Amino acid sequence: MILLTPTSAFFQDANKLLLNEQANWVHLKEFARKNAANALSVANMLMGMASILCSLNGHHHAACWLVLIGYLLDLADGAVARQLNACSALGAKLDDFADFTTFGIATSLILRTPGLLDNILCMLYVLSVYTRLCFFSSGEELIPNLFSIH
């Protein structure tokens, strides 16, 4: 008969395994906390890319809904990042790329028509979104004191 005592190798191995699983669970929860907002930004970007594909295939109604979903995801990613105290440089860049995809390219494709002037205006719209995001992410103001109240 084998007698299992607390000092036996079986209990020591089981204890190590349990502690290792608990440590892995803690790491997994921390990873999820740090990247929840990033996942929302990636989902926003995916909505923008899906909207682009829908617009190119003539499904403008679906493209509009995908941009709306992207907008809601954009609202959520900033709120989640602040709530979980998980703001990062990577998250800021992901958010900028997602915003440009969804609100720049996808939106301009929804607005385009077969007319040349309309397409030029859509390109100007994309450039203005790009310029605004560049200035916003750099922290510089395009026109100083434009929105300040005197």
C-alpha atoms as a PDB file:
ATOM      1  CA  MET A   1       0.000   0.000   0.000  1.00  0.00           C
ATOM      2  CA  ILE A   2       1.308   3.431  -0.951  1.00  0.00           C
ATOM      3  CA  LEU A   3       0.805   6.098   1.613  1.00  0.00           C
ATOM      4  CA  LEU A   4       0.484   9.635   0.221  1.00  0.00           C
ATOM      5  CA  THR A   5       1.777  12.222   2.603  1.00  0.00           C
ATOM      6  CA  PRO A   6       1.889  15.999   2.081  1.00  0.00           C
ATOM      7  CA  THR A   7       5.605  15.718   1.488  1.00  0.00           C
ATOM      8  CA  SER A   8       5.296  13.141  -1.249  1.00  0.00           C
ATOM      9  CA  ALA A   9       6.289  14.017  -4.824  1.00  0.00           C
ATOM     10  CA  PHE A  10       2.686  13.646  -6.017  1.00  0.00           C
ATOM     11  CA  PHE A  11       1.436  16.469  -3.793  1.00  0.00           C
ATOM     12  CA  GLN A  12       4.438  18.643  -4.627  1.00  0.00           C
ATOM     13  CA  ASP A  13       3.882  18.190  -8.372  1.00  0.00           C
ATOM     14  CA  ALA A  14       0.150  18.823  -8.029  1.00  0.00           C
ATOM     15  CA  ASN A  15       0.818  21.964  -6.005  1.00  0.00           C
ATOM     16  CA  LYS A  16       3.308  23.262  -8.621  1.00  0.00           C
ATOM     17  CA  LEU A  17       0.820  22.561 -11.405  1.00  0.00           C
ATOM     18  CA  LEU A  18      -1.972  24.357  -9.570  1.00  0.00           C
ATOM     19  CA  LEU A  19       0.212  27.390  -8.830  1.00  0.00           C
ATOM     20  CA  ASN A  20       1.413  27.451 -12.437  1.00  0.00           C
ATOM     21  CA  GLU A  21      -2.187  27.380 -13.725  1.00  0.00           C
ATOM     22  CA  GLN A  22      -3.137  30.198 -11.369  1.00  0.00           C
ATOM     23  CA  ALA A  23      -0.169  32.273 -12.541  1.00  0.00           C
ATOM     24  CA  ASN A  24      -1.103  31.620 -16.175  1.00  0.00           C
ATOM     25  CA  TRP A  25      -4.704  32.665 -15.465  1.00  0.00           C
ATOM     26  CA  VAL A  26      -3.470  35.916 -13.889  1.00  0.00           C
ATOM     27  CA  HIS A  27      -1.256  36.601 -16.934  1.00  0.00           C
ATOM     28  CA  LEU A  28      -4.153  35.852 -19.273  1.00  0.00           C
ATOM     29  CA  LYS A  29      -6.486  38.223 -17.396  1.00  0.00           C
ATOM     30  CA  GLU A  30      -3.846  40.973 -17.441  1.00  0.00           C
ATOM     31  CA  PHE A  31      -3.268  40.458 -21.179  1.00  0.00           C
ATOM     32  CA  ALA A  32      -7.030  40.703 -21.795  1.00  0.00           C
ATOM     33  CA  ARG A  33      -7.266  43.859 -19.669  1.00  0.00           C
ATOM     34  CA  LYS A  34      -4.398  45.538 -21.508  1.00  0.00           C
ATOM     35  CA  ASN A  35      -5.662  44.604 -24.982  1.00  0.00           C
ATOM     36  CA  ALA A  36      -9.451  44.916 -24.697  1.00  0.00           C
ATOM     37  CA  ALA A  37      -9.428  48.401 -26.228  1.00  0.00           C
ATOM     38  CA  ASN A  38      -6.984  47.266 -28.928  1.00  0.00           C
ATOM     39  CA  ALA A  39      -9.364  44.460 -29.851  1.00  0.00           C
ATOM     40  CA  LEU A  40     -12.180  46.999 -30.226  1.00  0.00           C
ATOM     41  CA  SER A  41      -9.952  49.144 -32.471  1.00  0.00           C
ATOM     42  CA  VAL A  42      -9.141  46.127 -34.635  1.00  0.00           C
ATOM     43  CA  ALA A  43     -12.860  45.308 -34.812  1.00  0.00           C
ATOM     44  CA  ASN A  44     -13.501  48.921 -35.897  1.00  0.00           C
ATOM     45  CA  MET A  45     -10.871  48.536 -38.623  1.00  0.00           C
ATOM     46  CA  LEU A  46     -12.459  45.281 -39.764  1.00  0.00           C
ATOM     47  CA  MET A  47     -15.833  47.033 -40.009  1.00  0.00           C
ATOM     48  CA  GLY A  48     -14.203  49.717 -42.139  1.00  0.00           C
ATOM     49  CA  MET A  49     -12.564  47.169 -44.441  1.00  0.00           C
ATOM     50  CA  ALA A  50     -15.829  45.238 -44.751  1.00  0.00           C
ATOM     51  CA  SER A  51     -17.603  48.506 -45.576  1.00  0.00           C
ATOM     52  CA  ILE A  52     -15.020  49.219 -48.283  1.00  0.00           C
ATOM     53  CA  LEU A  53     -15.647  45.796 -49.816  1.00  0.00           C
ATOM     54  CA  CYS A  54     -19.417  46.290 -49.651  1.00  0.00           C
ATOM     55  CA  SER A  55     -19.141  49.699 -51.335  1.00  0.00           C
ATOM     56  CA  LEU A  56     -16.947  48.321 -54.104  1.00  0.00           C
ATOM     57  CA  ASN A  57     -19.488  45.540 -54.703  1.00  0.00           C
ATOM     58  CA  GLY A  58     -22.441  47.936 -54.780  1.00  0.00           C
ATOM     59  CA  HIS A  59     -23.911  47.044 -51.375  1.00  0.00           C
ATOM     60  CA  HIS A  60     -24.092  50.623 -50.104  1.00  0.00           C
ATOM     61  CA  HIS A  61     -26.814  49.945 -47.531  1.00  0.00           C
ATOM     62  CA  ALA A  62     -24.654  47.316 -45.803  1.00  0.00           C
ATOM     63  CA  ALA A  63     -21.612  49.601 -46.093  1.00  0.00           C
ATOM     64  CA  CYS A  64     -23.468  52.336 -44.189  1.00  0.00           C
ATOM     65  CA  TRP A  65     -24.401  49.928 -41.395  1.00  0.00           C
ATOM     66  CA  LEU A  66     -20.805  48.728 -41.117  1.00  0.00           C
ATOM     67  CA  VAL A  67     -19.570  52.324 -40.760  1.00  0.00           C
ATOM     68  CA  LEU A  68     -22.171  52.874 -38.020  1.00  0.00           C
ATOM     69  CA  ILE A  69     -20.965  49.742 -36.193  1.00  0.00           C
ATOM     70  CA  GLY A  70     -17.397  51.015 -36.603  1.00  0.00           C
ATOM     71  CA  TYR A  71     -18.453  54.317 -35.052  1.00  0.00           C
ATOM     72  CA  LEU A  72     -19.904  52.538 -32.017  1.00  0.00           C
ATOM     73  CA  LEU A  73     -16.734  50.457 -31.669  1.00  0.00           C
ATOM     74  CA  ASP A  74     -14.678  53.662 -31.880  1.00  0.00           C
ATOM     75  CA  LEU A  75     -16.705  55.165 -29.039  1.00  0.00           C
ATOM     76  CA  ALA A  76     -16.211  52.002 -26.998  1.00  0.00           C
ATOM     77  CA  ASP A  77     -12.456  51.589 -27.471  1.00  0.00           C
ATOM     78  CA  GLY A  78     -11.557  54.918 -25.906  1.00  0.00           C
ATOM     79  CA  ALA A  79     -13.973  54.437 -23.023  1.00  0.00           C
ATOM     80  CA  VAL A  80     -12.679  50.913 -22.357  1.00  0.00           C
ATOM     81  CA  ALA A  81      -9.040  52.051 -22.498  1.00  0.00           C
ATOM     82  CA  ARG A  82      -9.689  54.814 -19.972  1.00  0.00           C
ATOM     83  CA  GLN A  83     -11.851  52.637 -17.710  1.00  0.00           C
ATOM     84  CA  LEU A  84      -9.290  49.814 -17.606  1.00  0.00           C
ATOM     85  CA  ASN A  85      -6.341  52.224 -17.474  1.00  0.00           C
ATOM     86  CA  ALA A  86      -4.903  50.486 -20.524  1.00  0.00           C
ATOM     87  CA  CYS A  87      -3.910  53.390 -22.773  1.00  0.00           C
ATOM     88  CA  SER A  88      -0.825  52.694 -24.885  1.00  0.00           C
ATOM     89  CA  ALA A  89       1.089  54.034 -27.877  1.00  0.00           C
ATOM     90  CA  LEU A  90       0.118  50.916 -29.836  1.00  0.00           C
ATOM     91  CA  GLY A  91      -3.545  51.493 -28.996  1.00  0.00           C
ATOM     92  CA  ALA A  92      -3.334  55.106 -30.168  1.00  0.00           C
ATOM     93  CA  LYS A  93      -1.849  54.042 -33.516  1.00  0.00           C
ATOM     94  CA  LEU A  94      -4.391  51.235 -33.942  1.00  0.00           C
ATOM     95  CA  ASP A  95      -7.180  53.703 -33.246  1.00  0.00           C
ATOM     96  CA  ASP A  96      -5.786  56.163 -35.818  1.00  0.00           C
ATOM     97  CA  PHE A  97      -5.538  53.492 -38.519  1.00  0.00           C
ATOM     98  CA  ALA A  98      -9.022  52.198 -37.705  1.00  0.00           C
ATOM     99  CA  ASP A  99     -10.473  55.716 -37.808  1.00  0.00           C
ATOM    100  CA  PHE A 100      -8.802  56.440 -41.152  1.00  0.00           C
ATOM    101  CA  THR A 101     -10.075  53.165 -42.600  1.00  0.00           C
ATOM    102  CA  THR A 102     -13.637  53.533 -41.340  1.00  0.00           C
ATOM    103  CA  PHE A 103     -14.195  57.284 -41.399  1.00  0.00           C
ATOM    104  CA  GLY A 104     -11.847  58.204 -44.221  1.00  0.00           C
ATOM    105  CA  ILE A 105     -11.763  55.575 -46.927  1.00  0.00           C
ATOM    106  CA  ALA A 106     -15.007  53.689 -46.226  1.00  0.00           C
ATOM    107  CA  THR A 107     -17.062  56.851 -45.824  1.00  0.00           C
ATOM    108  CA  SER A 108     -15.675  58.409 -49.009  1.00  0.00           C
ATOM    109  CA  LEU A 109     -16.565  55.266 -50.964  1.00  0.00           C
ATOM    110  CA  ILE A 110     -20.128  55.476 -49.668  1.00  0.00           C
ATOM    111  CA  LEU A 111     -20.302  59.114 -50.808  1.00  0.00           C
ATOM    112  CA  ARG A 112     -18.826  58.620 -54.278  1.00  0.00           C
ATOM    113  CA  THR A 113     -20.822  58.776 -57.478  1.00  0.00           C
ATOM    114  CA  PRO A 114     -19.866  58.228 -61.134  1.00  0.00           C
ATOM    115  CA  GLY A 115     -19.261  61.973 -61.586  1.00  0.00           C
ATOM    116  CA  LEU A 116     -15.678  63.256 -61.835  1.00  0.00           C
ATOM    117  CA  LEU A 117     -16.229  66.246 -59.553  1.00  0.00           C
ATOM    118  CA  ASP A 118     -17.810  64.049 -56.863  1.00  0.00           C
ATOM    119  CA  ASN A 119     -14.836  61.681 -56.987  1.00  0.00           C
ATOM    120  CA  ILE A 120     -12.407  64.596 -56.650  1.00  0.00           C
ATOM    121  CA  LEU A 121     -14.394  65.827 -53.630  1.00  0.00           C
ATOM    122  CA  CYS A 122     -14.251  62.318 -52.131  1.00  0.00           C
ATOM    123  CA  MET A 123     -10.458  62.284 -52.531  1.00  0.00           C
ATOM    124  CA  LEU A 124     -10.266  65.701 -50.863  1.00  0.00           C
ATOM    125  CA  TYR A 125     -12.422  64.327 -48.049  1.00  0.00           C
ATOM    126  CA  VAL A 126      -9.985  61.403 -47.546  1.00  0.00           C
ATOM    127  CA  LEU A 127      -7.038  63.821 -47.522  1.00  0.00           C
ATOM    128  CA  SER A 128      -8.761  66.059 -44.976  1.00  0.00           C
ATOM    129  CA  VAL A 129      -9.470  63.087 -42.675  1.00  0.00           C
ATOM    130  CA  TYR A 130      -5.847  61.982 -43.032  1.00  0.00           C
ATOM    131  CA  THR A 131      -4.547  65.492 -42.280  1.00  0.00           C
ATOM    132  CA  ARG A 132      -6.816  65.862 -39.267  1.00  0.00           C
ATOM    133  CA  LEU A 133      -5.689  62.498 -37.846  1.00  0.00           C
ATOM    134  CA  CYS A 134      -2.023  63.405 -38.386  1.00  0.00           C
ATOM    135  CA  PHE A 135      -2.384  66.670 -36.492  1.00  0.00           C
ATOM    136  CA  PHE A 136      -4.563  65.113 -33.800  1.00  0.00           C
ATOM    137  CA  SER A 137      -2.173  62.208 -33.143  1.00  0.00           C
ATOM    138  CA  SER A 138       0.901  64.480 -33.141  1.00  0.00           C
ATOM    139  CA  GLY A 139      -0.667  66.840 -30.602  1.00  0.00           C
ATOM    140  CA  GLU A 140      -0.128  69.884 -32.819  1.00  0.00           C
ATOM    141  CA  GLU A 141      -2.905  72.215 -33.840  1.00  0.00           C
ATOM    142  CA  LEU A 142      -3.568  72.882 -37.502  1.00  0.00           C
ATOM    143  CA  ILE A 143      -5.038  76.293 -36.699  1.00  0.00           C
ATOM    144  CA  PRO A 144      -4.035  77.414 -33.181  1.00  0.00           C
ATOM    145  CA  ASN A 145      -6.844  78.468 -30.833  1.00  0.00           C
ATOM    146  CA  LEU A 146      -9.546  77.518 -33.354  1.00  0.00           C
ATOM    147  CA  PHE A 147     -11.828  75.954 -30.735  1.00  0.00           C
ATOM    148  CA  SER A 148     -10.790  77.898 -27.656  1.00  0.00           C
ATOM    149  CA  ILE A 149     -13.206  80.343 -26.080  1.00  0.00           C
ATOM    150  CA  HIS A 150     -11.778  83.771 -25.288  1.00  0.00           C
END
